[in-house]
Full PDB file with SEQRES, HELIX, SHEET, SSBOND, CRYST1, ORIGX, SCALE, CONECT and MASTER records, all heavy atoms in Angstrom:
SEQRES   1 A   32  TYR SER PHE VAL PRO PRO ALA THR ALA GLY HIS GLY ASP          
SEQRES   2 A   32  GLY VAL ARG LEU LYS TRP ALA ASP MET PRO PHE ASP ALA          
SEQRES   3 A   32  ARG GLN ALA GLU ALA ARG                                      
HELIX    1 AA1 PHE A   24  ALA A   31  1                                   8    
CRYST1    1.000    1.000    1.000  90.00  90.00  90.00 P 1           1          
ORIGX1      1.000000  0.000000  0.000000        0.00000                         
ORIGX2      0.000000  1.000000  0.000000        0.00000                         
ORIGX3      0.000000  0.000000  1.000000        0.00000                         
SCALE1      1.000000  0.000000  0.000000        0.00000                         
SCALE2      0.000000  1.000000  0.000000        0.00000                         
SCALE3      0.000000  0.000000  1.000000        0.00000                         
ATOM      1  N   TYR A   1     128.630 -11.904 101.997  1.00  0.00           N  
ATOM      2  CA  TYR A   1     128.053 -11.624 100.686  1.00  0.00           C  
ATOM      3  C   TYR A   1     127.076 -10.433 100.761  1.00  0.00           C  
ATOM      4  O   TYR A   1     126.381 -10.154  99.830  1.00  0.00           O  
ATOM      5  CB  TYR A   1     127.345 -12.860 100.137  1.00  0.00           C  
ATOM      6  CG  TYR A   1     128.320 -13.996  99.854  1.00  0.00           C  
ATOM      7  CD1 TYR A   1     128.469 -15.030 100.770  1.00  0.00           C  
ATOM      8  CD2 TYR A   1     129.124 -13.997  98.735  1.00  0.00           C  
ATOM      9  CE1 TYR A   1     129.375 -16.061 100.541  1.00  0.00           C  
ATOM     10  CE2 TYR A   1     130.018 -15.005  98.476  1.00  0.00           C  
ATOM     11  CZ  TYR A   1     130.151 -16.042  99.378  1.00  0.00           C  
ATOM     12  OH  TYR A   1     131.054 -17.057  99.151  1.00  0.00           O  
ATOM     13  N   SER A   2     127.113  -9.763 101.898  1.00  0.00           N  
ATOM     14  CA  SER A   2     126.439  -8.482 102.079  1.00  0.00           C  
ATOM     15  C   SER A   2     127.416  -7.616 102.867  1.00  0.00           C  
ATOM     16  O   SER A   2     128.428  -8.109 103.371  1.00  0.00           O  
ATOM     17  CB  SER A   2     125.112  -8.621 102.793  1.00  0.00           C  
ATOM     18  OG  SER A   2     125.314  -9.144 104.102  1.00  0.00           O  
ATOM     19  N   PHE A   3     127.119  -6.333 102.995  1.00  0.00           N  
ATOM     20  CA  PHE A   3     128.051  -5.473 103.727  1.00  0.00           C  
ATOM     21  C   PHE A   3     127.600  -5.282 105.159  1.00  0.00           C  
ATOM     22  O   PHE A   3     128.415  -5.258 106.071  1.00  0.00           O  
ATOM     23  CB  PHE A   3     128.183  -4.094 103.038  1.00  0.00           C  
ATOM     24  CG  PHE A   3     129.288  -3.279 103.641  1.00  0.00           C  
ATOM     25  CD1 PHE A   3     130.615  -3.651 103.469  1.00  0.00           C  
ATOM     26  CD2 PHE A   3     128.999  -2.143 104.356  1.00  0.00           C  
ATOM     27  CE1 PHE A   3     131.645  -2.892 104.054  1.00  0.00           C  
ATOM     28  CE2 PHE A   3     130.015  -1.368 104.931  1.00  0.00           C  
ATOM     29  CZ  PHE A   3     131.341  -1.748 104.779  1.00  0.00           C  
ATOM     30  N   VAL A   4     126.296  -5.139 105.377  1.00  0.00           N  
ATOM     31  CA  VAL A   4     125.768  -4.991 106.744  1.00  0.00           C  
ATOM     32  C   VAL A   4     125.724  -6.371 107.391  1.00  0.00           C  
ATOM     33  O   VAL A   4     125.114  -7.282 106.826  1.00  0.00           O  
ATOM     34  CB  VAL A   4     124.365  -4.347 106.726  1.00  0.00           C  
ATOM     35  CG1 VAL A   4     123.828  -4.214 108.147  1.00  0.00           C  
ATOM     36  CG2 VAL A   4     124.388  -3.010 106.024  1.00  0.00           C  
ATOM     37  N   PRO A   5     126.358  -6.562 108.568  1.00  0.00           N  
ATOM     38  CA  PRO A   5     126.283  -7.867 109.234  1.00  0.00           C  
ATOM     39  C   PRO A   5     124.850  -8.252 109.524  1.00  0.00           C  
ATOM     40  O   PRO A   5     124.037  -7.423 109.945  1.00  0.00           O  
ATOM     41  CB  PRO A   5     127.076  -7.624 110.527  1.00  0.00           C  
ATOM     42  CG  PRO A   5     127.994  -6.503 110.212  1.00  0.00           C  
ATOM     43  CD  PRO A   5     127.246  -5.613 109.295  1.00  0.00           C  
ATOM     44  N   PRO A   6     124.497  -9.509 109.319  1.00  0.00           N  
ATOM     45  CA  PRO A   6     123.090  -9.940 109.493  1.00  0.00           C  
ATOM     46  C   PRO A   6     122.577  -9.688 110.911  1.00  0.00           C  
ATOM     47  O   PRO A   6     121.363  -9.530 111.091  1.00  0.00           O  
ATOM     48  CB  PRO A   6     123.142 -11.442 109.198  1.00  0.00           C  
ATOM     49  CG  PRO A   6     124.339 -11.596 108.285  1.00  0.00           C  
ATOM     50  CD  PRO A   6     125.336 -10.559 108.740  1.00  0.00           C  
ATOM     51  N   ALA A   7     123.459  -9.662 111.900  1.00  0.00           N  
ATOM     52  CA  ALA A   7     123.008  -9.478 113.285  1.00  0.00           C  
ATOM     53  C   ALA A   7     122.672  -8.027 113.625  1.00  0.00           C  
ATOM     54  O   ALA A   7     122.205  -7.743 114.739  1.00  0.00           O  
ATOM     55  CB  ALA A   7     124.088  -9.978 114.272  1.00  0.00           C  
ATOM     56  N   THR A   8     122.889  -7.113 112.717  1.00  0.00           N  
ATOM     57  CA  THR A   8     122.635  -5.714 112.982  1.00  0.00           C  
ATOM     58  C   THR A   8     121.149  -5.459 113.186  1.00  0.00           C  
ATOM     59  O   THR A   8     120.325  -5.951 112.451  1.00  0.00           O  
ATOM     60  CB  THR A   8     123.132  -4.827 111.798  1.00  0.00           C  
ATOM     61  OG1 THR A   8     124.481  -5.167 111.509  1.00  0.00           O  
ATOM     62  CG2 THR A   8     123.025  -3.348 112.107  1.00  0.00           C  
ATOM     63  N   ALA A   9     120.832  -4.666 114.219  1.00  0.00           N  
ATOM     64  CA  ALA A   9     119.436  -4.361 114.516  1.00  0.00           C  
ATOM     65  C   ALA A   9     118.820  -3.628 113.315  1.00  0.00           C  
ATOM     66  O   ALA A   9     119.405  -2.721 112.738  1.00  0.00           O  
ATOM     67  CB  ALA A   9     119.366  -3.440 115.745  1.00  0.00           C  
ATOM     68  N   GLY A  10     117.616  -4.062 112.902  1.00  0.00           N  
ATOM     69  CA  GLY A  10     116.930  -3.428 111.811  1.00  0.00           C  
ATOM     70  C   GLY A  10     117.438  -3.780 110.431  1.00  0.00           C  
ATOM     71  O   GLY A  10     117.102  -3.117 109.441  1.00  0.00           O  
ATOM     72  N   HIS A  11     118.263  -4.824 110.316  1.00  0.00           N  
ATOM     73  CA  HIS A  11     118.775  -5.219 109.026  1.00  0.00           C  
ATOM     74  C   HIS A  11     117.720  -6.045 108.266  1.00  0.00           C  
ATOM     75  O   HIS A  11     117.163  -6.983 108.815  1.00  0.00           O  
ATOM     76  CB  HIS A  11     120.054  -6.061 109.182  1.00  0.00           C  
ATOM     77  CG  HIS A  11     120.692  -6.444 107.874  1.00  0.00           C  
ATOM     78  ND1 HIS A  11     120.937  -7.748 107.531  1.00  0.00           N  
ATOM     79  CD2 HIS A  11     121.128  -5.677 106.848  1.00  0.00           C  
ATOM     80  CE1 HIS A  11     121.507  -7.788 106.317  1.00  0.00           C  
ATOM     81  NE2 HIS A  11     121.634  -6.549 105.900  1.00  0.00           N  
ATOM     82  N   GLY A  12     117.509  -5.679 106.999  1.00  0.00           N  
ATOM     83  CA  GLY A  12     116.514  -6.413 106.205  1.00  0.00           C  
ATOM     84  C   GLY A  12     117.047  -7.759 105.733  1.00  0.00           C  
ATOM     85  O   GLY A  12     118.249  -7.955 105.558  1.00  0.00           O  
ATOM     86  N   ASP A  13     116.161  -8.708 105.548  1.00  0.00           N  
ATOM     87  CA  ASP A  13     116.532 -10.035 105.130  1.00  0.00           C  
ATOM     88  C   ASP A  13     116.725 -10.100 103.600  1.00  0.00           C  
ATOM     89  O   ASP A  13     116.160  -9.295 102.863  1.00  0.00           O  
ATOM     90  CB  ASP A  13     115.438 -11.066 105.523  1.00  0.00           C  
ATOM     91  CG  ASP A  13     115.295 -11.206 107.030  1.00  0.00           C  
ATOM     92  OD1 ASP A  13     116.300 -11.001 107.716  1.00  0.00           O  
ATOM     93  OD2 ASP A  13     114.166 -11.505 107.471  1.00  0.00           O  
ATOM     94  N   GLY A  14     117.545 -11.032 103.168  1.00  0.00           N  
ATOM     95  CA  GLY A  14     117.625 -11.373 101.755  1.00  0.00           C  
ATOM     96  C   GLY A  14     118.582 -10.514 100.946  1.00  0.00           C  
ATOM     97  O   GLY A  14     118.672 -10.682  99.721  1.00  0.00           O  
ATOM     98  N   VAL A  15     119.321  -9.606 101.597  1.00  0.00           N  
ATOM     99  CA  VAL A  15     120.271  -8.776 100.839  1.00  0.00           C  
ATOM    100  C   VAL A  15     121.565  -9.569 100.608  1.00  0.00           C  
ATOM    101  O   VAL A  15     122.206  -9.997 101.546  1.00  0.00           O  
ATOM    102  CB  VAL A  15     120.563  -7.481 101.623  1.00  0.00           C  
ATOM    103  CG1 VAL A  15     121.556  -6.615 100.833  1.00  0.00           C  
ATOM    104  CG2 VAL A  15     119.288  -6.709 101.908  1.00  0.00           C  
ATOM    105  N   ARG A  16     121.921  -9.751  99.337  1.00  0.00           N  
ATOM    106  CA  ARG A  16     123.128 -10.543  99.013  1.00  0.00           C  
ATOM    107  C   ARG A  16     123.634 -10.144  97.651  1.00  0.00           C  
ATOM    108  O   ARG A  16     122.897  -9.661  96.792  1.00  0.00           O  
ATOM    109  CB  ARG A  16     122.791 -12.045  98.962  1.00  0.00           C  
ATOM    110  CG  ARG A  16     122.657 -12.715 100.309  1.00  0.00           C  
ATOM    111  CD  ARG A  16     122.054 -14.088 100.221  1.00  0.00           C  
ATOM    112  NE  ARG A  16     122.867 -15.070  99.520  1.00  0.00           N  
ATOM    113  CZ  ARG A  16     123.869 -15.745 100.051  1.00  0.00           C  
ATOM    114  NH1 ARG A  16     124.208 -15.525 101.296  1.00  0.00           N  
ATOM    115  NH2 ARG A  16     124.529 -16.642  99.364  1.00  0.00           N  
ATOM    116  N   LEU A  17     124.924 -10.324  97.453  1.00  0.00           N  
ATOM    117  CA  LEU A  17     125.469 -10.223  96.115  1.00  0.00           C  
ATOM    118  C   LEU A  17     124.734 -11.198  95.207  1.00  0.00           C  
ATOM    119  O   LEU A  17     124.512 -12.349  95.597  1.00  0.00           O  
ATOM    120  CB  LEU A  17     126.954 -10.545  96.143  1.00  0.00           C  
ATOM    121  CG  LEU A  17     127.863  -9.471  96.786  1.00  0.00           C  
ATOM    122  CD1 LEU A  17     129.216 -10.060  97.183  1.00  0.00           C  
ATOM    123  CD2 LEU A  17     128.024  -8.271  95.865  1.00  0.00           C  
ATOM    124  N   LYS A  18     124.385 -10.771  94.008  1.00  0.00           N  
ATOM    125  CA  LYS A  18     123.469 -11.564  93.171  1.00  0.00           C  
ATOM    126  C   LYS A  18     124.053 -12.897  92.735  1.00  0.00           C  
ATOM    127  O   LYS A  18     123.328 -13.815  92.377  1.00  0.00           O  
ATOM    128  CB  LYS A  18     123.035 -10.756  91.948  1.00  0.00           C  
ATOM    129  CG  LYS A  18     124.170 -10.294  91.056  1.00  0.00           C  
ATOM    130  CD  LYS A  18     123.632  -9.617  89.800  1.00  0.00           C  
ATOM    131  CE  LYS A  18     122.772  -8.445  90.080  1.00  0.00           C  
ATOM    132  NZ  LYS A  18     122.274  -7.757  88.872  1.00  0.00           N  
ATOM    133  N   TRP A  19     125.378 -13.013  92.743  1.00  0.00           N  
ATOM    134  CA  TRP A  19     126.031 -14.240  92.326  1.00  0.00           C  
ATOM    135  C   TRP A  19     126.491 -15.106  93.493  1.00  0.00           C  
ATOM    136  O   TRP A  19     127.248 -16.072  93.329  1.00  0.00           O  
ATOM    137  CB  TRP A  19     127.234 -13.913  91.420  1.00  0.00           C  
ATOM    138  CG  TRP A  19     128.082 -12.786  91.960  1.00  0.00           C  
ATOM    139  CD1 TRP A  19     128.014 -11.479  91.591  1.00  0.00           C  
ATOM    140  CD2 TRP A  19     129.051 -12.871  92.992  1.00  0.00           C  
ATOM    141  NE1 TRP A  19     128.914 -10.713  92.331  1.00  0.00           N  
ATOM    142  CE2 TRP A  19     129.555 -11.571  93.188  1.00  0.00           C  
ATOM    143  CE3 TRP A  19     129.586 -13.906  93.776  1.00  0.00           C  
ATOM    144  CZ2 TRP A  19     130.537 -11.261  94.129  1.00  0.00           C  
ATOM    145  CZ3 TRP A  19     130.539 -13.602  94.712  1.00  0.00           C  
ATOM    146  CH2 TRP A  19     131.014 -12.321  94.868  1.00  0.00           C  
ATOM    147  N   ALA A  20     126.046 -14.767  94.702  1.00  0.00           N  
ATOM    148  CA  ALA A  20     126.592 -15.384  95.932  1.00  0.00           C  
ATOM    149  C   ALA A  20     126.472 -16.903  95.949  1.00  0.00           C  
ATOM    150  O   ALA A  20     127.293 -17.576  96.579  1.00  0.00           O  
ATOM    151  CB  ALA A  20     125.912 -14.770  97.164  1.00  0.00           C  
ATOM    152  N   ASP A  21     125.474 -17.452  95.314  1.00  0.00           N  
ATOM    153  CA  ASP A  21     125.231 -18.891  95.415  1.00  0.00           C  
ATOM    154  C   ASP A  21     125.953 -19.708  94.349  1.00  0.00           C  
ATOM    155  O   ASP A  21     125.850 -20.955  94.311  1.00  0.00           O  
ATOM    156  CB  ASP A  21     123.733 -19.195  95.356  1.00  0.00           C  
ATOM    157  CG  ASP A  21     122.966 -18.633  96.557  1.00  0.00           C  
ATOM    158  OD1 ASP A  21     123.561 -18.626  97.654  1.00  0.00           O  
ATOM    159  OD2 ASP A  21     121.815 -18.199  96.374  1.00  0.00           O  
ATOM    160  N   MET A  22     126.707 -19.046  93.455  1.00  0.00           N  
ATOM    161  CA  MET A  22     127.459 -19.783  92.459  1.00  0.00           C  
ATOM    162  C   MET A  22     128.641 -20.519  93.092  1.00  0.00           C  
ATOM    163  O   MET A  22     129.302 -20.000  93.974  1.00  0.00           O  
ATOM    164  CB  MET A  22     128.012 -18.791  91.390  1.00  0.00           C  
ATOM    165  CG  MET A  22     126.958 -18.156  90.517  1.00  0.00           C  
ATOM    166  SD  MET A  22     127.692 -16.929  89.366  1.00  0.00           S  
ATOM    167  CE  MET A  22     128.767 -17.975  88.366  1.00  0.00           C  
ATOM    168  N   PRO A  23     128.943 -21.758  92.638  1.00  0.00           N  
ATOM    169  CA  PRO A  23     130.160 -22.434  93.089  1.00  0.00           C  
ATOM    170  C   PRO A  23     131.385 -21.597  92.715  1.00  0.00           C  
ATOM    171  O   PRO A  23     131.378 -20.847  91.719  1.00  0.00           O  
ATOM    172  CB  PRO A  23     130.138 -23.770  92.343  1.00  0.00           C  
ATOM    173  CG  PRO A  23     128.713 -23.941  91.892  1.00  0.00           C  
ATOM    174  CD  PRO A  23     128.156 -22.568  91.691  1.00  0.00           C  
ATOM    175  N   PHE A  24     132.464 -21.764  93.479  1.00  0.00           N  
ATOM    176  CA  PHE A  24     133.639 -20.893  93.261  1.00  0.00           C  
ATOM    177  C   PHE A  24     134.240 -21.100  91.876  1.00  0.00           C  
ATOM    178  O   PHE A  24     134.663 -20.121  91.241  1.00  0.00           O  
ATOM    179  CB  PHE A  24     134.657 -21.123  94.355  1.00  0.00           C  
ATOM    180  CG  PHE A  24     135.832 -20.190  94.231  1.00  0.00           C  
ATOM    181  CD1 PHE A  24     135.682 -18.815  94.313  1.00  0.00           C  
ATOM    182  CD2 PHE A  24     137.120 -20.708  94.008  1.00  0.00           C  
ATOM    183  CE1 PHE A  24     136.747 -17.970  94.194  1.00  0.00           C  
ATOM    184  CE2 PHE A  24     138.213 -19.852  93.901  1.00  0.00           C  
ATOM    185  CZ  PHE A  24     138.028 -18.477  93.977  1.00  0.00           C  
ATOM    186  N   ASP A  25     134.289 -22.330  91.378  1.00  0.00           N  
ATOM    187  CA  ASP A  25     134.899 -22.543  90.067  1.00  0.00           C  
ATOM    188  C   ASP A  25     134.072 -21.865  88.975  1.00  0.00           C  
ATOM    189  O   ASP A  25     134.605 -21.311  87.997  1.00  0.00           O  
ATOM    190  CB  ASP A  25     135.112 -24.010  89.770  1.00  0.00           C  
ATOM    191  CG  ASP A  25     133.830 -24.836  89.882  1.00  0.00           C  
ATOM    192  OD1 ASP A  25     132.787 -24.295  90.308  1.00  0.00           O  
ATOM    193  OD2 ASP A  25     133.855 -26.030  89.518  1.00  0.00           O  
ATOM    194  N   ALA A  26     132.739 -21.843  89.124  1.00  0.00           N  
ATOM    195  CA  ALA A  26     131.897 -21.152  88.173  1.00  0.00           C  
ATOM    196  C   ALA A  26     132.096 -19.634  88.271  1.00  0.00           C  
ATOM    197  O   ALA A  26     132.069 -18.932  87.251  1.00  0.00           O  
ATOM    198  CB  ALA A  26     130.438 -21.510  88.416  1.00  0.00           C  
ATOM    199  N   ARG A  27     132.311 -19.152  89.492  1.00  0.00           N  
ATOM    200  CA  ARG A  27     132.583 -17.725  89.647  1.00  0.00           C  
ATOM    201  C   ARG A  27     133.902 -17.340  88.989  1.00  0.00           C  
ATOM    202  O   ARG A  27     134.007 -16.286  88.359  1.00  0.00           O  
ATOM    203  CB  ARG A  27     132.596 -17.382  91.137  1.00  0.00           C  
ATOM    204  CG  ARG A  27     131.223 -17.295  91.755  1.00  0.00           C  
ATOM    205  CD  ARG A  27     131.214 -17.332  93.263  1.00  0.00           C  
ATOM    206  NE  ARG A  27     132.333 -16.664  93.920  1.00  0.00           N  
ATOM    207  CZ  ARG A  27     132.615 -16.807  95.203  1.00  0.00           C  
ATOM    208  NH1 ARG A  27     131.897 -17.616  95.961  1.00  0.00           N  
ATOM    209  NH2 ARG A  27     133.625 -16.142  95.718  1.00  0.00           N  
ATOM    210  N   GLN A  28     134.905 -18.164  89.161  1.00  0.00           N  
ATOM    211  CA  GLN A  28     136.180 -17.881  88.505  1.00  0.00           C  
ATOM    212  C   GLN A  28     136.032 -17.807  86.985  1.00  0.00           C  
ATOM    213  O   GLN A  28     136.605 -16.906  86.336  1.00  0.00           O  
ATOM    214  CB  GLN A  28     137.207 -18.952  88.887  1.00  0.00           C  
ATOM    215  CG  GLN A  28     137.729 -18.865  90.314  1.00  0.00           C  
ATOM    216  CD  GLN A  28     138.762 -19.933  90.560  1.00  0.00           C  
ATOM    217  OE1 GLN A  28     138.494 -21.123  90.386  1.00  0.00           O  
ATOM    218  NE2 GLN A  28     139.943 -19.539  91.016  1.00  0.00           N  
ATOM    219  N   ALA A  29     135.306 -18.729  86.434  1.00  0.00           N  
ATOM    220  CA  ALA A  29     135.104 -18.756  84.982  1.00  0.00           C  
ATOM    221  C   ALA A  29     134.383 -17.503  84.505  1.00  0.00           C  
ATOM    222  O   ALA A  29     134.752 -16.888  83.506  1.00  0.00           O  
ATOM    223  CB  ALA A  29     134.339 -20.014  84.565  1.00  0.00           C  
ATOM    224  N   GLU A  30     133.351 -17.111  85.264  1.00  0.00           N  
ATOM    225  CA  GLU A  30     132.620 -15.883  84.899  1.00  0.00           C  
ATOM    226  C   GLU A  30     133.503 -14.663  85.081  1.00  0.00           C  
ATOM    227  O   GLU A  30     133.447 -13.724  84.278  1.00  0.00           O  
ATOM    228  CB  GLU A  30     131.357 -15.798  85.771  1.00  0.00           C  
ATOM    229  CG  GLU A  30     130.549 -14.510  85.556  1.00  0.00           C  
ATOM    230  CD  GLU A  30     129.999 -14.340  84.150  1.00  0.00           C  
ATOM    231  OE1 GLU A  30     130.094 -15.295  83.346  1.00  0.00           O  
ATOM    232  OE2 GLU A  30     129.463 -13.244  83.839  1.00  0.00           O  
ATOM    233  N   ALA A  31     134.360 -14.656  86.099  1.00  0.00           N  
ATOM    234  CA  ALA A  31     135.261 -13.516  86.310  1.00  0.00           C  
ATOM    235  C   ALA A  31     136.238 -13.380  85.169  1.00  0.00           C  
ATOM    236  O   ALA A  31     136.504 -12.256  84.677  1.00  0.00           O  
ATOM    237  CB  ALA A  31     136.026 -13.714  87.641  1.00  0.00           C  
ATOM    238  N   ARG A  32     136.768 -14.494  84.663  1.00  0.00           N  
ATOM    239  CA  ARG A  32     137.671 -14.435  83.503  1.00  0.00           C  
ATOM    240  C   ARG A  32     136.947 -13.892  82.256  1.00  0.00           C  
ATOM    241  O   ARG A  32     137.494 -13.117  81.491  1.00  0.00           O  
ATOM    242  CB  ARG A  32     138.280 -15.803  83.233  1.00  0.00           C  
ATOM    243  CG  ARG A  32     139.205 -16.306  84.307  1.00  0.00           C  
ATOM    244  CD  ARG A  32     139.896 -17.599  83.902  1.00  0.00           C  
ATOM    245  NE  ARG A  32     140.694 -18.171  84.982  1.00  0.00           N  
ATOM    246  CZ  ARG A  32     140.272 -19.116  85.806  1.00  0.00           C  
ATOM    247  NH1 ARG A  32     139.063 -19.665  85.630  1.00  0.00           N  
ATOM    248  NH2 ARG A  32     141.060 -19.561  86.776  1.00  0.00           N  
TER     249      ARG A  32                                                      
MASTER        0    0    0    1    0    0    0    6  248    1    0    3          
END                                                                             
């Protein structure tokens, strides 16, 4: 849910797609 792998040296915490925590069925509904 981010592009830079979390294990990368110097990677900042908390970077995520804003909808990452939505359940998948809710994401599908929003996508439609």
